[in-house]
Amino acid sequence: MQVFTLLVETGRAPDDGLPEGATGAALLCYAAAKDEATAVRETVEVLKVAGLSPLEVQSYGARAEREEAGEDISEDDAALMDRALAENAVIVAQATPFYD
């Protein structure tokens, strides 16, 4: 299992919990999975079950790949990645609403 960093763009859906006036959101997610395709598929499914409307997913790769590339991962993000791996979960680390 690895932890993948995904950026998911969502549109609006009824009862999605996004702020009034938002047209969608960008969600930074950490997903534990055996490979990138599984991470993307499971993240989209979890977000749909949560009432969101995923439109596009961009992967930034596995944690090990990011570290090998020299990316600096903060302690907070590392802790969330560790939690995703320990719980075999998808964790939304940050949500940024979009407005017109």
C-alpha atoms as a PDB file:
ATOM      1  CA  MET A   1       0.000   0.000   0.000  1.00  0.00           C
ATOM      2  CA  GLN A   2       1.051   3.534  -0.769  1.00  0.00           C
ATOM      3  CA  VAL A   3      -0.412   6.972  -0.122  1.00  0.00           C
ATOM      4  CA  PHE A   4      -1.220   9.072  -3.180  1.00  0.00           C
ATOM      5  CA  THR A   5      -1.786  12.826  -3.274  1.00  0.00           C
ATOM      6  CA  LEU A   6      -4.799  13.740  -5.382  1.00  0.00           C
ATOM      7  CA  LEU A   7      -6.349  17.062  -6.305  1.00  0.00           C
ATOM      8  CA  VAL A   8     -10.051  16.633  -7.051  1.00  0.00           C
ATOM      9  CA  GLU A   9     -12.173  19.313  -8.695  1.00  0.00           C
ATOM     10  CA  THR A  10     -15.857  19.076  -7.832  1.00  0.00           C
ATOM     11  CA  GLY A  11     -18.965  20.713  -9.184  1.00  0.00           C
ATOM     12  CA  ARG A  12     -22.141  21.389  -7.244  1.00  0.00           C
ATOM     13  CA  ALA A  13     -24.613  18.789  -6.099  1.00  0.00           C
ATOM     14  CA  PRO A  14     -27.679  19.036  -3.864  1.00  0.00           C
ATOM     15  CA  ASP A  15     -26.716  18.948  -0.166  1.00  0.00           C
ATOM     16  CA  ASP A  16     -22.970  18.861  -0.957  1.00  0.00           C
ATOM     17  CA  GLY A  17     -22.065  21.006   2.046  1.00  0.00           C
ATOM     18  CA  LEU A  18     -20.198  23.612   0.005  1.00  0.00           C
ATOM     19  CA  PRO A  19     -20.699  27.279   0.953  1.00  0.00           C
ATOM     20  CA  GLU A  20     -23.603  29.200  -0.537  1.00  0.00           C
ATOM     21  CA  GLY A  21     -22.574  30.861  -3.781  1.00  0.00           C
ATOM     22  CA  ALA A  22     -19.714  28.435  -4.443  1.00  0.00           C
ATOM     23  CA  THR A  23     -19.622  26.943  -7.927  1.00  0.00           C
ATOM     24  CA  GLY A  24     -17.521  23.957  -6.862  1.00  0.00           C
ATOM     25  CA  ALA A  25     -14.339  23.201  -4.964  1.00  0.00           C
ATOM     26  CA  ALA A  26     -10.822  21.843  -5.129  1.00  0.00           C
ATOM     27  CA  LEU A  27     -10.147  19.057  -2.628  1.00  0.00           C
ATOM     28  CA  LEU A  28      -6.636  17.986  -1.674  1.00  0.00           C
ATOM     29  CA  CYS A  29      -6.884  14.310  -0.750  1.00  0.00           C
ATOM     30  CA  TYR A  30      -4.524  11.642   0.537  1.00  0.00           C
ATOM     31  CA  ALA A  31      -5.593   8.153  -0.496  1.00  0.00           C
ATOM     32  CA  ALA A  32      -4.140   4.815   0.548  1.00  0.00           C
ATOM     33  CA  ALA A  33      -4.175   2.255  -2.261  1.00  0.00           C
ATOM     34  CA  LYS A  34      -2.116  -0.411  -3.996  1.00  0.00           C
ATOM     35  CA  ASP A  35      -1.729   1.754  -7.127  1.00  0.00           C
ATOM     36  CA  GLU A  36      -2.644   5.138  -8.558  1.00  0.00           C
ATOM     37  CA  ALA A  37      -5.659   3.929 -10.550  1.00  0.00           C
ATOM     38  CA  THR A  38      -7.163   2.354  -7.443  1.00  0.00           C
ATOM     39  CA  ALA A  39      -6.498   5.523  -5.419  1.00  0.00           C
ATOM     40  CA  VAL A  40      -8.319   7.636  -8.003  1.00  0.00           C
ATOM     41  CA  ARG A  41     -11.245   5.217  -8.324  1.00  0.00           C
ATOM     42  CA  GLU A  42     -11.731   4.846  -4.560  1.00  0.00           C
ATOM     43  CA  THR A  43     -11.411   8.591  -3.915  1.00  0.00           C
ATOM     44  CA  VAL A  44     -14.063   9.390  -6.526  1.00  0.00           C
ATOM     45  CA  GLU A  45     -16.363   6.754  -5.029  1.00  0.00           C
ATOM     46  CA  VAL A  46     -15.918   8.064  -1.466  1.00  0.00           C
ATOM     47  CA  LEU A  47     -16.618  11.639  -2.590  1.00  0.00           C
ATOM     48  CA  LYS A  48     -19.756  10.565  -4.483  1.00  0.00           C
ATOM     49  CA  VAL A  49     -21.029   8.704  -1.407  1.00  0.00           C
ATOM     50  CA  ALA A  50     -20.397  11.914   0.578  1.00  0.00           C
ATOM     51  CA  GLY A  51     -22.723  13.785  -1.794  1.00  0.00           C
ATOM     52  CA  LEU A  52     -20.071  15.589  -3.832  1.00  0.00           C
ATOM     53  CA  SER A  53     -19.806  15.718  -7.616  1.00  0.00           C
ATOM     54  CA  PRO A  54     -16.201  14.940  -8.676  1.00  0.00           C
ATOM     55  CA  LEU A  55     -15.374  16.297 -12.136  1.00  0.00           C
ATOM     56  CA  GLU A  56     -11.626  15.864 -12.544  1.00  0.00           C
ATOM     57  CA  VAL A  57      -8.792  14.213 -10.620  1.00  0.00           C
ATOM     58  CA  GLN A  58      -5.108  15.087 -10.877  1.00  0.00           C
ATOM     59  CA  SER A  59      -2.548  12.848  -9.196  1.00  0.00           C
ATOM     60  CA  TYR A  60       0.707  14.154  -7.786  1.00  0.00           C
ATOM     61  CA  GLY A  61       2.025  10.628  -7.235  1.00  0.00           C
ATOM     62  CA  ALA A  62       2.823   8.438  -4.278  1.00  0.00           C
ATOM     63  CA  ARG A  63       4.435   9.837  -1.154  1.00  0.00           C
ATOM     64  CA  ALA A  64       7.695   7.972  -1.828  1.00  0.00           C
ATOM     65  CA  GLU A  65       7.848   9.386  -5.372  1.00  0.00           C
ATOM     66  CA  ARG A  66       7.289  12.901  -4.099  1.00  0.00           C
ATOM     67  CA  GLU A  67       9.990  12.541  -1.451  1.00  0.00           C
ATOM     68  CA  GLU A  68      12.442  11.066  -3.975  1.00  0.00           C
ATOM     69  CA  ALA A  69      11.768  14.067  -6.225  1.00  0.00           C
ATOM     70  CA  GLY A  70      12.839  16.338  -3.362  1.00  0.00           C
ATOM     71  CA  GLU A  71       9.410  17.680  -2.422  1.00  0.00           C
ATOM     72  CA  ASP A  72       9.157  19.021   1.100  1.00  0.00           C
ATOM     73  CA  ILE A  73       6.221  17.410   2.914  1.00  0.00           C
ATOM     74  CA  SER A  74       5.163  19.231   6.071  1.00  0.00           C
ATOM     75  CA  GLU A  75       4.788  17.404   9.378  1.00  0.00           C
ATOM     76  CA  ASP A  76       1.024  17.977   9.304  1.00  0.00           C
ATOM     77  CA  ASP A  77       0.691  16.530   5.799  1.00  0.00           C
ATOM     78  CA  ALA A  78       2.961  13.612   6.698  1.00  0.00           C
ATOM     79  CA  ALA A  79       0.747  12.871   9.717  1.00  0.00           C
ATOM     80  CA  LEU A  80      -2.372  12.878   7.517  1.00  0.00           C
ATOM     81  CA  MET A  81      -0.634  10.578   5.020  1.00  0.00           C
ATOM     82  CA  ASP A  82       0.351   8.223   7.851  1.00  0.00           C
ATOM     83  CA  ARG A  83      -3.247   8.210   9.049  1.00  0.00           C
ATOM     84  CA  ALA A  84      -4.581   7.450   5.554  1.00  0.00           C
ATOM     85  CA  LEU A  85      -2.191   4.516   5.331  1.00  0.00           C
ATOM     86  CA  ALA A  86      -2.952   3.210   8.836  1.00  0.00           C
ATOM     87  CA  GLU A  87      -6.722   3.430   8.278  1.00  0.00           C
ATOM     88  CA  ASN A  88      -6.656   2.433   4.580  1.00  0.00           C
ATOM     89  CA  ALA A  89      -8.651   5.600   3.989  1.00  0.00           C
ATOM     90  CA  VAL A  90      -9.199   8.650   1.832  1.00  0.00           C
ATOM     91  CA  ILE A  91      -8.563  11.843   3.791  1.00  0.00           C
ATOM     92  CA  VAL A  92      -9.581  15.288   2.547  1.00  0.00           C
ATOM     93  CA  ALA A  93      -6.752  17.476   3.805  1.00  0.00           C
ATOM     94  CA  GLN A  94      -7.980  20.767   2.353  1.00  0.00           C
ATOM     95  CA  ALA A  95     -11.093  22.080   0.617  1.00  0.00           C
ATOM     96  CA  THR A  96     -11.023  25.328  -1.354  1.00  0.00           C
ATOM     97  CA  PRO A  97     -14.386  26.541  -2.682  1.00  0.00           C
ATOM     98  CA  PHE A  98     -14.620  28.156  -6.138  1.00  0.00           C
ATOM     99  CA  TYR A  99     -16.657  31.301  -6.752  1.00  0.00           C
ATOM    100  CA  ASP A 100     -17.523  33.091 -10.002  1.00  0.00           C
END
